């Protein structure tokens, strides 16, 4: 079964590029990616551009509204994701706990629904 691991963090408290803390965090991400690749469970994964680059689209009563920025008004933002092929939720959880941002943000695990 496929699981999407969504990585939420607070950019105001994340390590900043150019710092040792940032380099350590990125090393953790590279290590995690190597692990899920070696284990054969990685389907895809990417970092997302900053939340302020988002465009939110809604259509109500035939009126299209475009809003700059993310939909949610929270400190935490969706910063990236991994799509994994795991045997079950417990396996997805065991990988989620290895993602570096789990210690400062949160990882949301969502099963992928296959139609048809």
PDB file of N, CA and C in Angstrom:
ATOM      1  N   UNK A   1       0.846  -1.175   0.000  1.00  0.00           N
ATOM      2  CA  UNK A   1       0.000   0.000   0.000  1.00  0.00           C
ATOM      3  C   UNK A   1       0.891   1.237   0.000  1.00  0.00           C
ATOM      4  N   UNK A   2       0.445   2.276  -0.674  1.00  0.00           N
ATOM      5  CA  UNK A   2       1.214   3.510  -0.693  1.00  0.00           C
ATOM      6  C   UNK A   2       0.738   4.452   0.407  1.00  0.00           C
ATOM      7  N   UNK A   3       1.725   5.117   1.023  1.00  0.00           N
ATOM      8  CA  UNK A   3       1.465   6.099   2.065  1.00  0.00           C
ATOM      9  C   UNK A   3       2.201   7.380   1.727  1.00  0.00           C
ATOM     10  N   UNK A   4       1.515   8.510   1.867  1.00  0.00           N
ATOM     11  CA  UNK A   4       2.132   9.820   1.700  1.00  0.00           C
ATOM     12  C   UNK A   4       2.542  10.305   3.087  1.00  0.00           C
ATOM     13  N   UNK A   5       3.816  10.605   3.237  1.00  0.00           N
ATOM     14  CA  UNK A   5       4.338  11.159   4.487  1.00  0.00           C
ATOM     15  C   UNK A   5       4.532  12.653   4.257  1.00  0.00           C
ATOM     16  N   UNK A   6       3.671  13.459   4.856  1.00  0.00           N
ATOM     17  CA  UNK A   6       3.671  14.906   4.672  1.00  0.00           C
ATOM     18  C   UNK A   6       4.461  15.552   5.800  1.00  0.00           C
ATOM     19  N   UNK A   7       5.404  16.399   5.453  1.00  0.00           N
ATOM     20  CA  UNK A   7       6.335  16.972   6.422  1.00  0.00           C
ATOM     21  C   UNK A   7       5.922  18.411   6.721  1.00  0.00           C
ATOM     22  N   UNK A   8       5.486  18.657   7.961  1.00  0.00           N
ATOM     23  CA  UNK A   8       5.073  19.999   8.386  1.00  0.00           C
ATOM     24  C   UNK A   8       6.086  20.548   9.382  1.00  0.00           C
ATOM     25  N   UNK A   9       6.524  21.785   9.146  1.00  0.00           N
ATOM     26  CA  UNK A   9       7.440  22.438  10.071  1.00  0.00           C
ATOM     27  C   UNK A   9       7.063  23.901  10.214  1.00  0.00           C
ATOM     28  N   UNK A  10       7.676  24.556  11.165  1.00  0.00           N
ATOM     29  CA  UNK A  10       7.510  25.994  11.358  1.00  0.00           C
ATOM     30  C   UNK A  10       8.761  26.667  10.808  1.00  0.00           C
ATOM     31  N   UNK A  11       8.664  27.297   9.627  1.00  0.00           N
ATOM     32  CA  UNK A  11       9.853  27.893   9.013  1.00  0.00           C
ATOM     33  C   UNK A  11      10.568  28.908   9.905  1.00  0.00           C
ATOM     34  N   UNK A  12       9.842  29.520  10.844  1.00  0.00           N
ATOM     35  CA  UNK A  12      10.484  30.517  11.707  1.00  0.00           C
ATOM     36  C   UNK A  12      11.431  29.873  12.725  1.00  0.00           C
ATOM     37  N   UNK A  13      11.280  28.569  12.953  1.00  0.00           N
ATOM     38  CA  UNK A  13      12.160  27.890  13.908  1.00  0.00           C
ATOM     39  C   UNK A  13      13.047  26.836  13.245  1.00  0.00           C
ATOM     40  N   UNK A  14      12.884  26.618  11.940  1.00  0.00           N
ATOM     41  CA  UNK A  14      13.726  25.665  11.225  1.00  0.00           C
ATOM     42  C   UNK A  14      15.163  26.166  11.156  1.00  0.00           C
ATOM     43  N   UNK A  15      16.122  25.265  11.109  1.00  0.00           N
ATOM     44  CA  UNK A  15      17.510  25.689  10.897  1.00  0.00           C
ATOM     45  C   UNK A  15      17.628  26.451   9.576  1.00  0.00           C
ATOM     46  N   UNK A  16      18.431  27.478   9.565  1.00  0.00           N
ATOM     47  CA  UNK A  16      18.573  28.335   8.385  1.00  0.00           C
ATOM     48  C   UNK A  16      19.749  27.881   7.519  1.00  0.00           C
ATOM     49  N   UNK A  17      19.578  27.979   6.175  1.00  0.00           N
ATOM     50  CA  UNK A  17      20.679  27.608   5.272  1.00  0.00           C
ATOM     51  C   UNK A  17      21.971  28.331   5.658  1.00  0.00           C
ATOM     52  N   UNK A  18      23.074  27.617   5.514  1.00  0.00           N
ATOM     53  CA  UNK A  18      24.373  28.186   5.842  1.00  0.00           C
ATOM     54  C   UNK A  18      24.820  27.934   7.270  1.00  0.00           C
ATOM     55  N   UNK A  19      23.945  27.350   8.091  1.00  0.00           N
ATOM     56  CA  UNK A  19      24.305  27.058   9.478  1.00  0.00           C
ATOM     57  C   UNK A  19      24.658  25.582   9.622  1.00  0.00           C
ATOM     58  N   UNK A  20      25.392  25.265  10.681  1.00  0.00           N
ATOM     59  CA  UNK A  20      25.722  23.863  10.957  1.00  0.00           C
ATOM     60  C   UNK A  20      24.459  23.042  11.201  1.00  0.00           C
ATOM     61  N   UNK A  21      23.488  23.653  11.872  1.00  0.00           N
ATOM     62  CA  UNK A  21      22.236  22.938  12.158  1.00  0.00           C
ATOM     63  C   UNK A  21      21.517  22.575  10.862  1.00  0.00           C
ATOM     64  N   UNK A  22      21.537  23.468   9.889  1.00  0.00           N
ATOM     65  CA  UNK A  22      20.905  23.197   8.600  1.00  0.00           C
ATOM     66  C   UNK A  22      21.626  22.065   7.885  1.00  0.00           C
ATOM     67  N   UNK A  23      22.954  22.118   7.887  1.00  0.00           N
ATOM     68  CA  UNK A  23      23.743  21.070   7.231  1.00  0.00           C
ATOM     69  C   UNK A  23      23.483  19.717   7.889  1.00  0.00           C
ATOM     70  N   UNK A  24      23.374  19.691   9.208  1.00  0.00           N
ATOM     71  CA  UNK A  24      23.079  18.443   9.919  1.00  0.00           C
ATOM     72  C   UNK A  24      21.691  17.925   9.553  1.00  0.00           C
ATOM     73  N   UNK A  25      20.716  18.838   9.481  1.00  0.00           N
ATOM     74  CA  UNK A  25      19.363  18.432   9.110  1.00  0.00           C
ATOM     75  C   UNK A  25      19.349  17.848   7.695  1.00  0.00           C
ATOM     76  N   UNK A  26      20.018  18.518   6.763  1.00  0.00           N
ATOM     77  CA  UNK A  26      20.043  18.041   5.385  1.00  0.00           C
ATOM     78  C   UNK A  26      20.747  16.691   5.279  1.00  0.00           C
ATOM     79  N   UNK A  27      21.802  16.500   6.065  1.00  0.00           N
ATOM     80  CA  UNK A  27      22.476  15.198   6.087  1.00  0.00           C
ATOM     81  C   UNK A  27      21.507  14.113   6.545  1.00  0.00           C
ATOM     82  N   UNK A  28      20.654  14.456   7.502  1.00  0.00           N
ATOM     83  CA  UNK A  28      19.637  13.518   7.959  1.00  0.00           C
ATOM     84  C   UNK A  28      18.640  13.179   6.862  1.00  0.00           C
ATOM     85  N   UNK A  29      18.250  14.188   6.083  1.00  0.00           N
ATOM     86  CA  UNK A  29      17.336  13.941   4.959  1.00  0.00           C
ATOM     87  C   UNK A  29      17.998  13.081   3.888  1.00  0.00           C
ATOM     88  N   UNK A  30      19.262  13.356   3.565  1.00  0.00           N
ATOM     89  CA  UNK A  30      19.972  12.537   2.579  1.00  0.00           C
ATOM     90  C   UNK A  30      20.065  11.096   3.065  1.00  0.00           C
ATOM     91  N   UNK A  31      20.350  10.916   4.340  1.00  0.00           N
ATOM     92  CA  UNK A  31      20.437   9.579   4.918  1.00  0.00           C
ATOM     93  C   UNK A  31      19.093   8.865   4.849  1.00  0.00           C
ATOM     94  N   UNK A  32      18.019   9.585   5.201  1.00  0.00           N
ATOM     95  CA  UNK A  32      16.680   8.992   5.140  1.00  0.00           C
ATOM     96  C   UNK A  32      16.360   8.559   3.708  1.00  0.00           C
ATOM     97  N   UNK A  33      16.641   9.429   2.742  1.00  0.00           N
ATOM     98  CA  UNK A  33      16.355   9.104   1.343  1.00  0.00           C
ATOM     99  C   UNK A  33      17.147   7.888   0.902  1.00  0.00           C
ATOM    100  N   UNK A  34      18.402   7.786   1.319  1.00  0.00           N
ATOM    101  CA  UNK A  34      19.206   6.609   0.996  1.00  0.00           C
ATOM    102  C   UNK A  34      18.602   5.357   1.609  1.00  0.00           C
ATOM    103  N   UNK A  35      18.096   5.453   2.840  1.00  0.00           N
ATOM    104  CA  UNK A  35      17.508   4.299   3.521  1.00  0.00           C
ATOM    105  C   UNK A  35      16.267   3.803   2.801  1.00  0.00           C
ATOM    106  N   UNK A  36      15.324   4.711   2.496  1.00  0.00           N
ATOM    107  CA  UNK A  36      14.082   4.263   1.854  1.00  0.00           C
ATOM    108  C   UNK A  36      14.316   3.804   0.421  1.00  0.00           C
ATOM    109  N   UNK A  37      15.361   4.359  -0.222  1.00  0.00           N
ATOM    110  CA  UNK A  37      15.723   3.887  -1.562  1.00  0.00           C
ATOM    111  C   UNK A  37      16.303   2.479  -1.475  1.00  0.00           C
ATOM    112  N   UNK A  38      17.245   2.273  -0.558  1.00  0.00           N
ATOM    113  CA  UNK A  38      17.870   0.955  -0.379  1.00  0.00           C
ATOM    114  C   UNK A  38      16.850  -0.102   0.031  1.00  0.00           C
ATOM    115  N   UNK A  39      15.851   0.311   0.835  1.00  0.00           N
ATOM    116  CA  UNK A  39      14.814  -0.631   1.273  1.00  0.00           C
ATOM    117  C   UNK A  39      13.776  -0.902   0.185  1.00  0.00           C
ATOM    118  N   UNK A  40      13.838  -0.159  -0.921  1.00  0.00           N
ATOM    119  CA  UNK A  40      12.910  -0.372  -2.031  1.00  0.00           C
ATOM    120  C   UNK A  40      11.510   0.136  -1.796  1.00  0.00           C
ATOM    121  N   UNK A  41      11.328   1.075  -0.857  1.00  0.00           N
ATOM    122  CA  UNK A  41       9.979   1.575  -0.561  1.00  0.00           C
ATOM    123  C   UNK A  41       9.730   2.984  -1.109  1.00  0.00           C
ATOM    124  N   UNK A  42      10.775   3.688  -1.547  1.00  0.00           N
ATOM    125  CA  UNK A  42      10.599   5.057  -2.039  1.00  0.00           C
ATOM    126  C   UNK A  42       9.932   5.042  -3.408  1.00  0.00           C
ATOM    127  N   UNK A  43       8.791   5.724  -3.512  1.00  0.00           N
ATOM    128  CA  UNK A  43       8.133   5.931  -4.796  1.00  0.00           C
ATOM    129  C   UNK A  43       8.539   7.303  -5.331  1.00  0.00           C
ATOM    130  N   UNK A  44       8.476   8.311  -4.466  1.00  0.00           N
ATOM    131  CA  UNK A  44       8.836   9.677  -4.859  1.00  0.00           C
ATOM    132  C   UNK A  44       8.945  10.529  -3.608  1.00  0.00           C
ATOM    133  N   UNK A  45       9.644  11.623  -3.719  1.00  0.00           N
ATOM    134  CA  UNK A  45       9.734  12.568  -2.616  1.00  0.00           C
ATOM    135  C   UNK A  45      10.366  13.851  -3.098  1.00  0.00           C
ATOM    136  N   UNK A  46       9.891  14.974  -2.591  1.00  0.00           N
ATOM    137  CA  UNK A  46      10.423  16.277  -2.980  1.00  0.00           C
ATOM    138  C   UNK A  46      10.207  17.291  -1.874  1.00  0.00           C
ATOM    139  N   UNK A  47      11.077  18.297  -1.866  1.00  0.00           N
ATOM    140  CA  UNK A  47      10.871  19.478  -1.036  1.00  0.00           C
ATOM    141  C   UNK A  47       9.951  20.419  -1.808  1.00  0.00           C
ATOM    142  N   UNK A  48       9.105  21.131  -1.102  1.00  0.00           N
ATOM    143  CA  UNK A  48       8.234  22.119  -1.728  1.00  0.00           C
ATOM    144  C   UNK A  48       8.825  23.508  -1.537  1.00  0.00           C
ATOM    145  N   UNK A  49       8.545  24.405  -2.481  1.00  0.00           N
ATOM    146  CA  UNK A  49       8.956  25.794  -2.328  1.00  0.00           C
ATOM    147  C   UNK A  49       8.227  26.376  -1.117  1.00  0.00           C
ATOM    148  N   UNK A  50       8.721  27.492  -0.618  1.00  0.00           N
ATOM    149  CA  UNK A  50       8.157  28.124   0.581  1.00  0.00           C
ATOM    150  C   UNK A  50       6.665  28.403   0.417  1.00  0.00           C
ATOM    151  N   UNK A  51       5.940  28.341   1.535  1.00  0.00           N
ATOM    152  CA  UNK A  51       4.481  28.511   1.520  1.00  0.00           C
ATOM    153  C   UNK A  51       4.051  29.827   0.893  1.00  0.00           C
ATOM    154  N   UNK A  52       4.851  30.876   1.063  1.00  0.00           N
ATOM    155  CA  UNK A  52       4.444  32.164   0.493  1.00  0.00           C
ATOM    156  C   UNK A  52       4.465  32.170  -1.030  1.00  0.00           C
ATOM    157  N   UNK A  53       5.018  31.128  -1.666  1.00  0.00           N
ATOM    158  CA  UNK A  53       4.988  31.042  -3.128  1.00  0.00           C
ATOM    159  C   UNK A  53       3.724  30.350  -3.631  1.00  0.00           C
ATOM    160  N   UNK A  54       2.906  29.856  -2.713  1.00  0.00           N
ATOM    161  CA  UNK A  54       1.695  29.115  -3.090  1.00  0.00           C
ATOM    162  C   UNK A  54       0.633  30.039  -3.680  1.00  0.00           C
ATOM    163  N   UNK A  55      -0.205  29.458  -4.510  1.00  0.00           N
ATOM    164  CA  UNK A  55      -1.425  30.105  -4.990  1.00  0.00           C
ATOM    165  C   UNK A  55      -2.572  29.188  -4.621  1.00  0.00           C
ATOM    166  N   UNK A  56      -3.552  29.699  -3.912  1.00  0.00           N
ATOM    167  CA  UNK A  56      -4.710  28.915  -3.506  1.00  0.00           C
ATOM    168  C   UNK A  56      -5.873  29.268  -4.423  1.00  0.00           C
ATOM    169  N   UNK A  57      -6.553  28.246  -4.938  1.00  0.00           N
ATOM    170  CA  UNK A  57      -7.628  28.419  -5.908  1.00  0.00           C
ATOM    171  C   UNK A  57      -8.932  27.921  -5.296  1.00  0.00           C
ATOM    172  N   UNK A  58      -9.996  28.716  -5.442  1.00  0.00           N
ATOM    173  CA  UNK A  58     -11.327  28.254  -5.031  1.00  0.00           C
ATOM    174  C   UNK A  58     -12.344  28.716  -6.069  1.00  0.00           C
ATOM    175  N   UNK A  59     -13.416  27.949  -6.189  1.00  0.00           N
ATOM    176  CA  UNK A  59     -14.497  28.270  -7.122  1.00  0.00           C
ATOM    177  C   UNK A  59     -15.798  28.172  -6.354  1.00  0.00           C
ATOM    178  N   UNK A  60     -16.459  29.298  -6.188  1.00  0.00           N
ATOM    179  CA  UNK A  60     -17.726  29.346  -5.471  1.00  0.00           C
ATOM    180  C   UNK A  60     -18.736  30.109  -6.333  1.00  0.00           C
ATOM    181  N   UNK A  61     -19.886  29.481  -6.584  1.00  0.00           N
ATOM    182  CA  UNK A  61     -20.933  30.120  -7.384  1.00  0.00           C
ATOM    183  C   UNK A  61     -20.376  30.693  -8.684  1.00  0.00           C
ATOM    184  N   UNK A  62     -19.599  29.891  -9.392  1.00  0.00           N
ATOM    185  CA  UNK A  62     -18.980  30.263 -10.669  1.00  0.00           C
ATOM    186  C   UNK A  62     -18.005  31.427 -10.566  1.00  0.00           C
ATOM    187  N   UNK A  63     -17.568  31.761  -9.367  1.00  0.00           N
ATOM    188  CA  UNK A  63     -16.593  32.829  -9.182  1.00  0.00           C
ATOM    189  C   UNK A  63     -15.264  32.225  -8.741  1.00  0.00           C
ATOM    190  N   UNK A  64     -14.257  32.394  -9.597  1.00  0.00           N
ATOM    191  CA  UNK A  64     -12.933  31.868  -9.313  1.00  0.00           C
ATOM    192  C   UNK A  64     -12.153  32.871  -8.477  1.00  0.00           C
ATOM    193  N   UNK A  65     -11.598  32.399  -7.381  1.00  0.00           N
ATOM    194  CA  UNK A  65     -10.796  33.252  -6.510  1.00  0.00           C
ATOM    195  C   UNK A  65      -9.390  32.674  -6.420  1.00  0.00           C
ATOM    196  N   UNK A  66      -8.394  33.521  -6.649  1.00  0.00           N
ATOM    197  CA  UNK A  66      -6.988  33.149  -6.497  1.00  0.00           C
ATOM    198  C   UNK A  66      -6.428  33.952  -5.348  1.00  0.00           C
ATOM    199  N   UNK A  67      -5.751  33.265  -4.431  1.00  0.00           N
ATOM    200  CA  UNK A  67      -5.168  33.925  -3.272  1.00  0.00           C
ATOM    201  C   UNK A  67      -3.697  33.571  -3.205  1.00  0.00           C
ATOM    202  N   UNK A  68      -2.864  34.574  -3.012  1.00  0.00           N
ATOM    203  CA  UNK A  68      -1.444  34.314  -2.823  1.00  0.00           C
ATOM    204  C   UNK A  68      -1.230  33.708  -1.449  1.00  0.00           C
ATOM    205  N   UNK A  69      -0.420  32.673  -1.386  1.00  0.00           N
ATOM    206  CA  UNK A  69      -0.107  32.047  -0.109  1.00  0.00           C
ATOM    207  C   UNK A  69      -0.914  30.794   0.121  1.00  0.00           C
ATOM    208  N   UNK A  70      -0.613  30.125   1.231  1.00  0.00           N
ATOM    209  CA  UNK A  70      -1.271  28.852   1.538  1.00  0.00           C
ATOM    210  C   UNK A  70      -2.700  29.068   2.034  1.00  0.00           C
ATOM    211  N   UNK A  71      -3.470  27.983   2.030  1.00  0.00           N
ATOM    212  CA  UNK A  71      -4.849  28.018   2.494  1.00  0.00           C
ATOM    213  C   UNK A  71      -4.914  28.201   4.001  1.00  0.00           C
ATOM    214  N   UNK A  72      -4.137  27.408   4.719  1.00  0.00           N
ATOM    215  CA  UNK A  72      -4.208  27.415   6.180  1.00  0.00           C
ATOM    216  C   UNK A  72      -3.451  28.605   6.764  1.00  0.00           C
ATOM    217  N   UNK A  73      -4.001  29.197   7.781  1.00  0.00           N
ATOM    218  CA  UNK A  73      -3.350  30.300   8.500  1.00  0.00           C
ATOM    219  C   UNK A  73      -2.730  29.741   9.776  1.00  0.00           C
ATOM    220  N   UNK A  74      -1.624  29.021   9.619  1.00  0.00           N
ATOM    221  CA  UNK A  74      -0.937  28.432  10.758  1.00  0.00           C
ATOM    222  C   UNK A  74       0.555  28.715  10.633  1.00  0.00           C
ATOM    223  N   UNK A  75       1.275  28.516  11.718  1.00  0.00           N
ATOM    224  CA  UNK A  75       2.731  28.668  11.665  1.00  0.00           C
ATOM    225  C   UNK A  75       3.358  27.516  10.903  1.00  0.00           C
ATOM    226  N   UNK A  76       2.801  26.307  11.077  1.00  0.00           N
ATOM    227  CA  UNK A  76       3.358  25.141  10.420  1.00  0.00           C
ATOM    228  C   UNK A  76       2.969  25.151   8.940  1.00  0.00           C
ATOM    229  N   UNK A  77       3.906  24.794   8.093  1.00  0.00           N
ATOM    230  CA  UNK A  77       3.631  24.714   6.664  1.00  0.00           C
ATOM    231  C   UNK A  77       4.079  23.370   6.130  1.00  0.00           C
ATOM    232  N   UNK A  78       3.456  22.961   5.044  1.00  0.00           N
ATOM    233  CA  UNK A  78       3.834  21.728   4.360  1.00  0.00           C
ATOM    234  C   UNK A  78       5.109  22.014   3.590  1.00  0.00           C
ATOM    235  N   UNK A  79       6.204  21.360   3.994  1.00  0.00           N
ATOM    236  CA  UNK A  79       7.496  21.651   3.398  1.00  0.00           C
ATOM    237  C   UNK A  79       7.976  20.620   2.403  1.00  0.00           C
ATOM    238  N   UNK A  80       7.365  19.454   2.411  1.00  0.00           N
ATOM    239  CA  UNK A  80       7.771  18.407   1.488  1.00  0.00           C
ATOM    240  C   UNK A  80       7.031  17.121   1.787  1.00  0.00           C
ATOM    241  N   UNK A  81       7.377  16.094   1.030  1.00  0.00           N
ATOM    242  CA  UNK A  81       6.681  14.820   1.200  1.00  0.00           C
ATOM    243  C   UNK A  81       7.553  13.675   0.710  1.00  0.00           C
ATOM    244  N   UNK A  82       7.209  12.505   1.177  1.00  0.00           N
ATOM    245  CA  UNK A  82       7.728  11.252   0.639  1.00  0.00           C
ATOM    246  C   UNK A  82       6.525  10.372   0.354  1.00  0.00           C
ATOM    247  N   UNK A  83       6.522   9.722  -0.786  1.00  0.00           N
ATOM    248  CA  UNK A  83       5.518   8.717  -1.113  1.00  0.00           C
ATOM    249  C   UNK A  83       6.226   7.370  -1.033  1.00  0.00           C
ATOM    250  N   UNK A  84       5.748   6.531  -0.102  1.00  0.00           N
ATOM    251  CA  UNK A  84       6.384   5.235   0.141  1.00  0.00           C
ATOM    252  C   UNK A  84       5.411   4.097  -0.136  1.00  0.00           C
ATOM    253  N   UNK A  85       5.946   2.989  -0.587  1.00  0.00           N
ATOM    254  CA  UNK A  85       5.195   1.746  -0.755  1.00  0.00           C
ATOM    255  C   UNK A  85       5.550   0.867   0.437  1.00  0.00           C
ATOM    256  N   UNK A  86       4.620   0.761   1.387  1.00  0.00           N
ATOM    257  CA  UNK A  86       4.868   0.023   2.626  1.00  0.00           C
ATOM    258  C   UNK A  86       3.856  -1.100   2.767  1.00  0.00           C
ATOM    259  N   UNK A  87       4.238  -2.126   3.528  1.00  0.00           N
ATOM    260  CA  UNK A  87       3.333  -3.262   3.713  1.00  0.00           C
ATOM    261  C   UNK A  87       2.127  -2.902   4.569  1.00  0.00           C
ATOM    262  N   UNK A  88       2.304  -1.930   5.488  1.00  0.00           N
ATOM    263  CA  UNK A  88       1.199  -1.540   6.357  1.00  0.00           C
ATOM    264  C   UNK A  88       1.525  -0.215   7.051  1.00  0.00           C
ATOM    265  N   UNK A  89       0.570   0.290   7.819  1.00  0.00           N
ATOM    266  CA  UNK A  89       0.747   1.561   8.517  1.00  0.00           C
ATOM    267  C   UNK A  89       1.910   1.508   9.499  1.00  0.00           C
ATOM    268  N   UNK A  90       2.071   0.394  10.186  1.00  0.00           N
ATOM    269  CA  UNK A  90       3.184   0.289  11.137  1.00  0.00           C
ATOM    270  C   UNK A  90       4.526   0.501  10.453  1.00  0.00           C
ATOM    271  N   UNK A  91       4.667  -0.040   9.260  1.00  0.00           N
ATOM    272  CA  UNK A  91       5.896   0.143   8.494  1.00  0.00           C
ATOM    273  C   UNK A  91       6.073   1.620   8.114  1.00  0.00           C
ATOM    274  N   UNK A  92       4.991   2.278   7.670  1.00  0.00           N
ATOM    275  CA  UNK A  92       5.052   3.706   7.324  1.00  0.00           C
ATOM    276  C   UNK A  92       5.443   4.531   8.550  1.00  0.00           C
ATOM    277  N   UNK A  93       4.912   4.181   9.709  1.00  0.00           N
ATOM    278  CA  UNK A  93       5.252   4.886  10.952  1.00  0.00           C
ATOM    279  C   UNK A  93       6.733   4.702  11.275  1.00  0.00           C
ATOM    280  N   UNK A  94       7.245   3.498  11.070  1.00  0.00           N
ATOM    281  CA  UNK A  94       8.657   3.257  11.380  1.00  0.00           C
ATOM    282  C   UNK A  94       9.566   4.112  10.504  1.00  0.00           C
ATOM    283  N   UNK A  95       9.155   4.387   9.276  1.00  0.00           N
ATOM    284  CA  UNK A  95       9.930   5.292   8.424  1.00  0.00           C
ATOM    285  C   UNK A  95       9.709   6.751   8.818  1.00  0.00           C
ATOM    286  N   UNK A  96       8.484   7.125   9.131  1.00  0.00           N
ATOM    287  CA  UNK A  96       8.186   8.518   9.491  1.00  0.00           C
ATOM    288  C   UNK A  96       9.015   8.981  10.679  1.00  0.00           C
ATOM    289  N   UNK A  97       9.261   8.098  11.614  1.00  0.00           N
ATOM    290  CA  UNK A  97      10.027   8.489  12.812  1.00  0.00           C
ATOM    291  C   UNK A  97      11.494   8.752  12.494  1.00  0.00           C
ATOM    292  N   UNK A  98      11.948   8.369  11.278  1.00  0.00           N
ATOM    293  CA  UNK A  98      13.329   8.601  10.856  1.00  0.00           C
ATOM    294  C   UNK A  98      13.525   9.929  10.117  1.00  0.00           C
ATOM    295  N   UNK A  99      12.429  10.594   9.764  1.00  0.00           N
ATOM    296  CA  UNK A  99      12.525  11.869   9.043  1.00  0.00           C
ATOM    297  C   UNK A  99      13.010  12.935  10.024  1.00  0.00           C
ATOM    298  N   UNK A 100      14.074  13.671   9.690  1.00  0.00           N
ATOM    299  CA  UNK A 100      14.671  14.616  10.638  1.00  0.00           C
ATOM    300  C   UNK A 100      13.684  15.613  11.260  1.00  0.00           C
ATOM    301  N   UNK A 101      12.720  16.106  10.508  1.00  0.00           N
ATOM    302  CA  UNK A 101      11.808  17.130  11.025  1.00  0.00           C
ATOM    303  C   UNK A 101      10.788  16.601  12.015  1.00  0.00           C
ATOM    304  N   UNK A 102      10.752  15.283  12.248  1.00  0.00           N
ATOM    305  CA  UNK A 102       9.801  14.734  13.210  1.00  0.00           C
ATOM    306  C   UNK A 102      10.086  15.253  14.618  1.00  0.00           C
ATOM    307  N   UNK A 103      11.338  15.662  14.866  1.00  0.00           N
ATOM    308  CA  UNK A 103      11.687  16.129  16.210  1.00  0.00           C
ATOM    309  C   UNK A 103      11.337  17.600  16.444  1.00  0.00           C
ATOM    310  N   UNK A 104      11.060  18.357  15.393  1.00  0.00           N
ATOM    311  CA  UNK A 104      10.714  19.778  15.555  1.00  0.00           C
ATOM    312  C   UNK A 104       9.374  20.138  14.941  1.00  0.00           C
ATOM    313  N   UNK A 105       8.877  19.308  14.055  1.00  0.00           N
ATOM    314  CA  UNK A 105       7.584  19.547  13.404  1.00  0.00           C
ATOM    315  C   UNK A 105       6.715  18.321  13.577  1.00  0.00           C
ATOM    316  N   UNK A 106       6.030  17.948  12.509  1.00  0.00           N
ATOM    317  CA  UNK A 106       5.240  16.721  12.556  1.00  0.00           C
ATOM    318  C   UNK A 106       5.174  16.105  11.181  1.00  0.00           C
ATOM    319  N   UNK A 107       4.947  14.812  11.163  1.00  0.00           N
ATOM    320  CA  UNK A 107       4.809  14.062   9.926  1.00  0.00           C
ATOM    321  C   UNK A 107       3.400  13.481   9.904  1.00  0.00           C
ATOM    322  N   UNK A 108       2.635  13.856   8.901  1.00  0.00           N
ATOM    323  CA  UNK A 108       1.282  13.310   8.724  1.00  0.00           C
ATOM    324  C   UNK A 108       1.368  12.169   7.723  1.00  0.00           C
ATOM    325  N   UNK A 109       0.814  11.017   8.084  1.00  0.00           N
ATOM    326  CA  UNK A 109       0.815   9.846   7.206  1.00  0.00           C
ATOM    327  C   UNK A 109      -0.596   9.667   6.660  1.00  0.00           C
ATOM    328  N   UNK A 110      -0.704   9.649   5.329  1.00  0.00           N
ATOM    329  CA  UNK A 110      -2.009   9.462   4.698  1.00  0.00           C
ATOM    330  C   UNK A 110      -1.937   8.325   3.691  1.00  0.00           C
ATOM    331  N   UNK A 111      -2.803   7.322   3.828  1.00  0.00           N
ATOM    332  CA  UNK A 111      -2.844   6.258   2.820  1.00  0.00           C
ATOM    333  C   UNK A 111      -3.344   6.816   1.477  1.00  0.00           C
ATOM    334  N   UNK A 112      -2.806   6.291   0.415  1.00  0.00           N
ATOM    335  CA  UNK A 112      -3.245   6.672  -0.924  1.00  0.00           C
ATOM    336  C   UNK A 112      -4.435   5.794  -1.291  1.00  0.00           C
ATOM    337  N   UNK A 113      -5.507   6.408  -1.766  1.00  0.00           N
ATOM    338  CA  UNK A 113      -6.700   5.681  -2.192  1.00  0.00           C
ATOM    339  C   UNK A 113      -6.593   5.440  -3.693  1.00  0.00           C
ATOM    340  N   UNK A 114      -6.712   4.195  -4.088  1.00  0.00           N
ATOM    341  CA  UNK A 114      -6.649   3.844  -5.498  1.00  0.00           C
ATOM    342  C   UNK A 114      -8.076   3.558  -5.972  1.00  0.00           C
ATOM    343  N   UNK A 115      -8.523   4.327  -6.952  1.00  0.00           N
ATOM    344  CA  UNK A 115      -9.874   4.124  -7.513  1.00  0.00           C
ATOM    345  C   UNK A 115      -9.767   3.242  -8.749  1.00  0.00           C
ATOM    346  N   UNK A 116     -10.714   2.317  -8.851  1.00  0.00           N
ATOM    347  CA  UNK A 116     -10.773   1.467 -10.042  1.00  0.00           C
ATOM    348  C   UNK A 116      -9.953   0.319  -9.931  1.00  0.00           C
TER     349      UNK A 116
END
